[in-house]
């Protein structure tokens, strides 16, 4: 039986991407060309941004985020929650290829966001610091990066409320929420787990576990779909509201939110080996993979309950996050063979049908992501975090093959 499973895994690993002559090495070669093109576009976009007098008093822009409706490259300041993803893309390119060019570029773009280690006004420290400095430290062991990562975790920990048991997410929209916690915040816990290992200080671990447990208790419906935002009373710790801010409705299943949940609890199981996190990840995967509105190519619509399916925008970023999470989950779960098969299908479909042509779309790798459909922001455009999780999924698939 073990021999049969071994050969089945080999078959799954090699069959899907090779159906159109693709290999991970070839895909990364294309990604290098496309990212080199993006590097040429960044100074042009920055020069155009500086020409606009209304930007004179705004923080300098440092990282690519997406394309405007007119096809212009949108750059963001370091405080933007997406600022760490492009440095992360560069580190992943260096990790896979060993080409020193990518290390040089990764260090430059990573340095641009170091000041975020002190930014206590955001919960997105993991997205910004760990996906940039964290990747860099993993690959290079640069001690200066370790210092930034530890400081970032200390800063993030200031947003933890022990009565609620969670890290506060947004500071904006105080007229709507008193202490909002969003499902996305699960991914910032990886920073805290990493710093626990670096320092031996268990306080970071305890905050991460408390946040994960409270989110598990309050964010999920009986079918294991997730709300986007849960609002808490800071005096009693009780839930005040359950909303879905970026989805179709409060009771709908916003696709990227479901992806964050899957990725987050898979990561939490890796870090703690607590079986309830593995079970939660498996239950979320079941919800996603068996949903009647999941398209045949397994790349979801922006919301599983969007009213005009199949005439709704897709979210390739959600597909990439799900794909990467499933590859990791496959290494822990008794359902691993099925998860790896599904991940390979998503990866093949993203590669074959969602990639940009080289030299197009200002250098982004994937097309057809959706940021916030209800407010018509970044709808059916390339977005940098889709590229990051796509490359991570490719690397994970390659490691599993080996």
Protein backbone atom coordinates (compact mmCIF):
# COMPACT_ATOMS: atom_id res chain seq x y z
CA UNK A 1 0.00 0.00 0.00
CA UNK A 2 2.84 2.41 0.86
CA UNK A 3 4.51 1.64 -2.48
CA UNK A 4 1.28 2.39 -4.32
CA UNK A 5 0.89 5.74 -2.52
CA UNK A 6 4.49 6.64 -3.32
CA UNK A 7 4.03 6.10 -7.05
CA UNK A 8 0.66 7.86 -6.96
CA UNK A 9 2.30 10.92 -5.41
CA UNK A 10 5.01 10.83 -8.08
CA UNK A 11 2.36 10.69 -10.77
CA UNK A 12 0.48 13.61 -9.26
CA UNK A 13 3.66 15.63 -8.90
CA UNK A 14 4.87 15.27 -12.47
CA UNK A 15 1.69 15.04 -14.53
CA UNK A 16 -0.08 18.38 -14.21
CA UNK A 17 2.45 21.09 -15.02
CA UNK A 18 4.04 18.97 -17.71
CA UNK A 19 0.74 18.78 -19.61
CA UNK A 20 1.70 21.91 -21.55
CA UNK A 21 5.45 21.44 -21.42
CA UNK A 22 5.83 23.50 -18.24
CA UNK A 23 8.33 22.79 -15.51
CA UNK A 24 8.95 24.79 -12.36
CA UNK A 25 12.41 25.70 -13.66
CA UNK A 26 10.98 27.02 -16.91
CA UNK A 27 8.25 28.96 -15.10
CA UNK A 28 10.86 30.60 -12.88
CA UNK A 29 12.91 31.50 -15.94
CA UNK A 30 9.85 33.31 -17.30
CA UNK A 31 9.29 34.92 -13.90
CA UNK A 32 12.86 36.24 -13.95
CA UNK A 33 12.28 37.89 -17.34
CA UNK A 34 8.99 39.37 -16.21
CA UNK A 35 10.36 40.66 -12.91
CA UNK A 36 13.35 42.21 -14.71
CA UNK A 37 10.79 44.05 -16.83
CA UNK A 38 9.02 45.23 -13.67
CA UNK A 39 12.28 46.51 -12.23
CA UNK A 40 12.61 48.70 -15.33
CA UNK A 41 9.07 50.02 -14.81
CA UNK A 42 9.46 50.98 -11.15
CA UNK A 43 11.68 54.08 -11.61
CA UNK A 44 9.45 55.26 -14.46
CA UNK A 45 6.34 54.94 -12.29
CA UNK A 46 8.10 56.64 -9.38
CA UNK A 47 9.17 59.55 -11.59
CA UNK A 48 5.60 59.98 -12.78
CA UNK A 49 4.35 59.85 -9.19
CA UNK A 50 6.83 62.56 -8.16
CA UNK A 51 5.70 64.83 -10.99
CA UNK A 52 2.19 64.91 -9.57
CA UNK A 53 2.21 67.90 -7.21
CA UNK A 54 -0.59 66.46 -5.06
CA UNK A 55 1.88 63.80 -3.88
CA UNK A 56 4.44 66.34 -2.61
CA UNK A 57 3.62 65.85 1.08
CA UNK A 58 2.89 62.13 0.93
CA UNK A 59 5.33 59.37 2.01
CA UNK A 60 7.63 58.17 -0.74
CA UNK A 61 6.43 55.16 -2.73
CA UNK A 62 8.70 52.11 -2.65
CA UNK A 63 6.94 48.91 -3.81
CA UNK A 64 4.74 47.80 -6.72
CA UNK A 65 1.20 46.83 -5.75
CA UNK A 66 -1.13 46.60 -8.76
CA UNK A 67 -2.23 48.19 -12.04
CA UNK A 68 -4.61 51.11 -12.27
CA UNK A 69 -7.71 50.86 -14.51
CA UNK A 70 -5.64 52.74 -17.10
CA UNK A 71 -2.87 50.15 -16.90
CA UNK A 72 -0.42 52.27 -14.92
CA UNK A 73 1.87 50.71 -12.32
CA UNK A 74 0.65 51.55 -8.82
CA UNK A 75 3.45 51.95 -6.28
CA UNK A 76 2.82 52.18 -2.54
CA UNK A 77 4.59 53.61 0.50
CA UNK A 78 6.18 51.31 3.05
CA UNK A 79 3.16 51.70 5.38
CA UNK A 80 0.87 50.00 2.86
CA UNK A 81 0.02 46.44 3.90
CA UNK A 82 1.31 45.08 0.57
CA UNK A 83 4.75 46.73 0.66
CA UNK A 84 6.59 43.55 1.70
CA UNK A 85 5.36 41.33 -1.10
CA UNK A 86 7.60 42.61 -3.91
CA UNK A 87 10.74 42.25 -1.77
CA UNK A 88 9.41 38.77 -1.00
CA UNK A 89 9.05 37.99 -4.69
CA UNK A 90 12.68 39.00 -5.21
CA UNK A 91 13.83 36.80 -2.32
CA UNK A 92 11.89 33.84 -3.69
CA UNK A 93 13.52 34.33 -7.09
CA UNK A 94 16.93 34.35 -5.41
CA UNK A 95 16.05 31.32 -3.32
CA UNK A 96 15.11 29.27 -6.36
CA UNK A 97 17.70 30.45 -8.88
CA UNK A 98 20.72 31.38 -6.75
CA UNK A 99 21.23 34.36 -9.07
CA UNK A 100 22.96 37.11 -7.09
CA UNK A 101 21.11 39.73 -9.10
CA UNK A 102 17.97 38.86 -7.19
CA UNK A 103 19.70 39.04 -3.83
CA UNK A 104 20.96 42.54 -4.66
CA UNK A 105 17.52 43.71 -5.72
CA UNK A 106 15.84 41.97 -2.77
CA UNK A 107 18.14 43.71 -0.31
CA UNK A 108 17.45 47.10 -1.88
CA UNK A 109 13.66 46.78 -1.81
CA UNK A 110 13.70 45.16 1.62
CA UNK A 111 15.72 48.04 3.07
CA UNK A 112 13.04 50.45 1.81
CA UNK A 113 10.52 49.16 4.35
CA UNK A 114 12.72 48.68 7.45
CA UNK A 115 11.03 51.59 9.22
CA UNK A 116 7.85 49.51 9.40
CA UNK A 117 9.36 47.53 12.28
CA UNK A 118 8.30 50.43 14.53
CA UNK A 119 4.86 51.03 13.02
CA UNK A 120 2.49 50.13 15.84
CA UNK A 121 -0.47 51.49 13.89
CA UNK A 122 -0.89 48.34 11.82
CA UNK A 123 -1.47 44.61 12.31
CA UNK A 124 0.14 43.76 8.96
CA UNK A 125 3.63 43.30 10.38
CA UNK A 126 3.87 39.73 9.14
CA UNK A 127 2.88 40.60 5.60
CA UNK A 128 5.38 43.46 5.55
CA UNK A 129 8.30 42.38 7.72
CA UNK A 130 8.21 38.59 7.67
CA UNK A 131 7.59 38.24 3.92
CA UNK A 132 10.60 40.48 3.24
CA UNK A 133 13.10 40.45 6.10
CA UNK A 134 11.89 37.01 7.15
CA UNK A 135 12.54 35.51 3.74
CA UNK A 136 15.87 37.29 3.57
CA UNK A 137 16.92 35.97 6.97
CA UNK A 138 15.85 32.43 6.09
CA UNK A 139 18.04 32.49 3.00
CA UNK A 140 21.05 34.56 4.15
CA UNK A 141 21.09 34.43 7.97
CA UNK A 142 21.90 38.14 7.94
CA UNK A 143 21.92 39.08 11.66
CA UNK A 144 20.70 42.61 10.93
CA UNK A 145 17.54 41.09 9.46
CA UNK A 146 17.00 39.10 12.63
CA UNK A 147 17.02 42.32 14.66
CA UNK A 148 14.37 43.85 12.40
CA UNK A 149 12.17 40.75 12.65
CA UNK A 150 12.36 40.70 16.45
CA UNK A 151 11.54 44.39 16.69
CA UNK A 152 8.61 43.89 14.32
CA UNK A 153 7.21 41.19 16.59
CA UNK A 154 7.59 43.41 19.64
CA UNK A 155 5.75 46.20 17.85
CA UNK A 156 2.96 43.88 16.69
CA UNK A 157 2.53 42.50 20.21
CA UNK A 158 1.52 45.96 21.44
CA UNK A 159 -1.76 45.50 19.55
CA UNK A 160 -2.72 42.41 21.57
CA UNK A 161 -5.61 42.79 23.99
CA UNK A 162 -5.63 40.04 26.65
CA UNK A 163 -9.32 40.54 27.46
CA UNK A 164 -10.30 39.98 23.83
CA UNK A 165 -7.53 37.44 23.29
CA UNK A 166 -6.62 38.84 19.88
CA UNK A 167 -4.39 41.30 18.07
CA UNK A 168 -6.33 44.33 16.92
CA UNK A 169 -6.59 44.67 13.16
CA UNK A 170 -7.73 48.04 11.83
CA UNK A 171 -7.53 51.41 13.56
CA UNK A 172 -9.71 53.08 10.95
CA UNK A 173 -13.54 53.10 10.78
CA UNK A 174 -13.97 53.51 14.52
CA UNK A 175 -17.58 54.48 13.85
CA UNK A 176 -18.16 50.90 12.63
CA UNK A 177 -16.00 48.74 14.90
CA UNK A 178 -14.57 49.08 18.40
CA UNK A 179 -11.95 46.30 18.23
CA UNK A 180 -12.03 44.71 14.76
CA UNK A 181 -10.20 41.46 14.04
CA UNK A 182 -9.99 40.30 10.44
CA UNK A 183 -9.32 36.77 9.21
CA UNK A 184 -6.29 38.06 7.27
CA UNK A 185 -4.57 38.65 10.61
CA UNK A 186 -4.00 34.90 10.97
CA UNK A 187 -1.03 35.18 8.61
CA UNK A 188 0.71 37.76 10.77
CA UNK A 189 1.03 35.13 13.51
CA UNK A 190 3.87 33.45 11.61
CA UNK A 191 6.10 36.36 12.60
CA UNK A 192 5.37 35.73 16.28
CA UNK A 193 6.08 32.02 16.02
CA UNK A 194 9.36 32.74 14.24
CA UNK A 195 10.52 35.20 16.89
CA UNK A 196 9.68 32.70 19.61
CA UNK A 197 12.24 30.38 18.01
CA UNK A 198 14.76 33.18 17.56
CA UNK A 199 14.60 34.50 21.12
CA UNK A 200 13.16 31.73 23.28
CA UNK A 201 10.62 34.28 24.56
CA UNK A 202 7.33 32.39 24.90
CA UNK A 203 5.25 35.56 25.19
CA UNK A 204 5.10 35.82 21.40
CA UNK A 205 3.97 32.21 21.12
CA UNK A 206 1.24 32.74 23.72
CA UNK A 207 -0.13 35.76 21.87
CA UNK A 208 -0.19 33.86 18.58
CA UNK A 209 -1.97 30.86 20.11
CA UNK A 210 -4.49 33.05 21.91
CA UNK A 211 -5.29 34.89 18.69
CA UNK A 212 -5.62 31.65 16.73
CA UNK A 213 -7.89 30.09 19.36
CA UNK A 214 -10.15 33.12 19.67
CA UNK A 215 -10.42 33.42 15.89
CA UNK A 216 -11.22 29.71 15.59
CA UNK A 217 -14.01 30.15 18.14
CA UNK A 218 -15.64 33.26 16.70
CA UNK A 219 -14.83 33.71 13.01
CA UNK A 220 -16.24 30.51 11.56
CA UNK A 221 -19.74 29.37 10.67
CA UNK A 222 -21.01 25.82 11.08
CA UNK A 223 -19.93 24.96 7.52
CA UNK A 224 -16.39 26.26 8.27
CA UNK A 225 -16.72 29.31 6.07
CA UNK A 226 -15.40 32.48 7.68
CA UNK A 227 -16.59 35.97 8.36
CA UNK A 228 -14.13 38.67 7.38
CA UNK A 229 -14.41 40.98 10.41
CA UNK A 230 -15.35 40.15 14.00
CA UNK A 231 -15.76 43.13 16.32
CA UNK A 232 -15.15 42.73 20.06
CA UNK A 233 -16.05 44.63 23.23
CA UNK A 234 -12.75 45.42 24.96
CA UNK A 235 -14.34 45.53 28.43
CA UNK A 236 -16.05 42.13 28.31
CA UNK A 237 -14.23 40.46 25.41
CA UNK A 238 -17.58 39.51 23.90
CA UNK A 239 -18.37 39.56 20.19
CA UNK A 240 -20.27 42.66 19.07
CA UNK A 241 -20.55 42.15 15.30
CA UNK A 242 -19.70 39.68 12.58
CA UNK A 243 -19.21 41.30 9.17
CA UNK A 244 -17.77 40.59 5.72
CA UNK A 245 -16.35 43.94 4.68
CA UNK A 246 -14.71 43.02 1.37
CA UNK A 247 -17.19 40.32 0.36
CA UNK A 248 -20.63 40.41 -1.25
CA UNK A 249 -22.57 40.44 2.03
CA UNK A 250 -22.03 39.87 5.72
CA UNK A 251 -23.12 36.23 5.41
CA UNK A 252 -21.26 35.51 2.17
CA UNK A 253 -17.92 33.72 1.83
CA UNK A 254 -15.33 36.17 0.54
CA UNK A 255 -12.84 34.01 -1.35
CA UNK A 256 -9.57 35.48 -0.17
CA UNK A 257 -10.81 35.44 3.41
CA UNK A 258 -11.41 31.70 3.15
CA UNK A 259 -7.92 31.33 1.67
CA UNK A 260 -6.36 33.26 4.58
CA UNK A 261 -8.10 30.93 7.02
CA UNK A 262 -6.83 27.80 5.27
CA UNK A 263 -3.27 29.10 5.09
CA UNK A 264 -3.32 30.45 8.64
CA UNK A 265 -4.46 27.28 10.40
CA UNK A 266 -2.17 25.10 8.30
CA UNK A 267 0.72 27.33 9.42
CA UNK A 268 -0.47 27.24 13.04
CA UNK A 269 -0.44 23.45 12.97
CA UNK A 270 3.09 23.48 11.58
CA UNK A 271 4.22 25.73 14.42
CA UNK A 272 2.35 24.13 17.34
CA UNK A 273 1.36 20.61 16.24
CA UNK A 274 -1.99 21.25 17.98
CA UNK A 275 -4.42 18.81 16.30
CA UNK A 276 -7.34 21.24 16.47
CA UNK A 277 -5.54 23.51 14.00
CA UNK A 278 -5.01 20.63 11.58
CA UNK A 279 -8.67 19.69 11.85
CA UNK A 280 -9.69 23.30 11.24
CA UNK A 281 -7.49 23.50 8.15
CA UNK A 282 -8.94 20.23 6.84
CA UNK A 283 -12.49 21.47 7.43
CA UNK A 284 -11.80 24.76 5.63
CA UNK A 285 -10.25 22.82 2.73
CA UNK A 286 -13.36 20.64 2.54
CA UNK A 287 -15.58 23.73 2.43
CA UNK A 288 -13.51 25.22 -0.38
CA UNK A 289 -12.88 22.16 -2.53
CA UNK A 290 -16.44 20.86 -2.33
CA UNK A 291 -18.24 24.16 -2.79
CA UNK A 292 -20.76 24.05 -5.67
CA UNK A 293 -19.62 27.49 -6.86
CA UNK A 294 -15.94 26.57 -7.11
CA UNK A 295 -15.11 26.68 -10.85
CA UNK A 296 -13.74 23.64 -12.64
CA UNK A 297 -10.27 25.20 -12.80
CA UNK A 298 -10.36 25.62 -8.97
CA UNK A 299 -9.55 29.33 -9.16
CA UNK A 300 -12.40 30.93 -7.21
CA UNK A 301 -14.69 33.80 -7.98
CA UNK A 302 -14.03 36.80 -5.73
CA UNK A 303 -16.84 35.63 -3.43
CA UNK A 304 -18.34 32.15 -3.32
CA UNK A 305 -21.79 33.73 -2.99
CA UNK A 306 -21.42 36.51 -5.56
CA UNK A 307 -24.85 37.01 -7.19
CA UNK A 308 -23.94 36.76 -10.88
CA UNK A 309 -21.80 33.63 -10.96
CA UNK A 310 -20.50 32.56 -13.48
CA UNK A 311 -20.34 36.16 -14.70
CA UNK A 312 -18.26 37.40 -11.78
CA UNK A 313 -14.55 38.31 -11.57
CA UNK A 314 -12.13 35.64 -10.42
CA UNK A 315 -9.54 36.11 -7.71
CA UNK A 316 -6.26 34.52 -8.77
CA UNK A 317 -4.69 35.77 -5.53
CA UNK A 318 -7.12 33.62 -3.53
CA UNK A 319 -6.30 30.71 -5.83
CA UNK A 320 -2.56 31.18 -5.25
CA UNK A 321 -2.97 31.36 -1.47
CA UNK A 322 -5.16 28.23 -1.45
CA UNK A 323 -2.68 26.44 -3.70
CA UNK A 324 0.31 27.20 -1.49
CA UNK A 325 -1.63 26.26 1.64
CA UNK A 326 -2.77 22.94 0.17
CA UNK A 327 0.79 21.96 -0.69
CA UNK A 328 1.81 22.46 2.93
CA UNK A 329 -1.36 20.88 4.33
CA UNK A 330 -0.70 17.81 2.19
CA UNK A 331 2.43 17.13 4.25
CA UNK A 332 0.44 16.94 7.49
CA UNK A 333 -2.94 15.45 6.63
CA UNK A 334 -4.23 11.95 5.97
CA UNK A 335 -5.90 13.58 2.94
CA UNK A 336 -2.51 14.62 1.61
CA UNK A 337 -2.73 12.84 -1.73
CA UNK A 338 -6.00 14.61 -2.61
CA UNK A 339 -4.73 17.99 -1.38
CA UNK A 340 -1.58 17.70 -3.45
CA UNK A 341 -3.58 16.70 -6.50
CA UNK A 342 -5.85 19.74 -6.11
CA UNK A 343 -2.88 22.04 -5.49
CA UNK A 344 -1.20 20.82 -8.65
CA UNK A 345 -4.38 21.42 -10.62
CA UNK A 346 -4.63 24.99 -9.33
CA UNK A 347 -0.95 25.56 -10.04
CA UNK A 348 -1.26 24.24 -13.57
CA UNK A 349 -4.33 26.36 -14.29
CA UNK A 350 -2.76 29.52 -12.88
CA UNK A 351 0.33 28.81 -14.99
CA UNK A 352 -1.49 27.98 -18.20
CA UNK A 353 -4.43 30.40 -18.09
CA UNK A 354 -3.72 33.27 -15.67
CA UNK A 355 -0.13 34.28 -16.40
CA UNK A 356 0.80 37.52 -18.06
CA UNK A 357 2.71 37.52 -21.31
CA UNK A 358 6.37 38.43 -20.79
CA UNK A 359 6.84 42.17 -21.27
CA UNK A 360 3.20 42.97 -20.56
CA UNK A 361 1.23 44.26 -17.56
CA UNK A 362 4.22 46.17 -16.15
CA UNK A 363 5.90 42.94 -15.10
CA UNK A 364 3.26 41.27 -12.94
CA UNK A 365 3.18 37.48 -13.14
CA UNK A 366 -0.52 36.69 -12.65
CA UNK A 367 -3.63 38.34 -14.04
CA UNK A 368 -7.26 38.35 -12.81
CA UNK A 369 -7.04 39.11 -9.11
CA UNK A 370 -9.68 41.05 -7.20
CA UNK A 371 -8.93 43.31 -4.26
CA UNK A 372 -12.19 44.88 -3.04
CA UNK A 373 -15.11 44.33 -5.40
CA UNK A 374 -17.83 46.14 -3.38
CA UNK A 375 -15.97 49.45 -3.72
CA UNK A 376 -14.63 48.62 -7.20
CA UNK A 377 -11.01 48.78 -6.12
CA UNK A 378 -8.50 46.52 -7.94
CA UNK A 379 -11.06 44.41 -9.79
CA UNK A 380 -9.73 41.90 -12.33
CA UNK A 381 -6.17 43.24 -12.26
CA UNK A 382 -2.72 41.91 -11.37
CA UNK A 383 -1.92 42.32 -7.65
CA UNK A 384 1.49 41.69 -6.13
CA UNK A 385 0.45 39.30 -3.38
CA UNK A 386 -0.91 36.90 -6.02
CA UNK A 387 2.59 36.76 -7.51
CA UNK A 388 4.17 36.15 -4.10
CA UNK A 389 1.99 33.17 -3.17
CA UNK A 390 2.21 31.80 -6.72
CA UNK A 391 6.01 31.64 -6.51
CA UNK A 392 5.80 30.19 -3.01
CA UNK A 393 3.43 27.50 -4.29
CA UNK A 394 5.82 26.69 -7.12
CA UNK A 395 8.73 26.31 -4.71
CA UNK A 396 6.65 24.14 -2.38
CA UNK A 397 5.59 21.93 -5.28
CA UNK A 398 9.22 21.54 -6.34
CA UNK A 399 10.34 20.59 -2.83
CA UNK A 400 7.57 17.99 -2.59
CA UNK A 401 8.67 16.48 -5.90
CA UNK A 402 12.18 16.08 -4.52
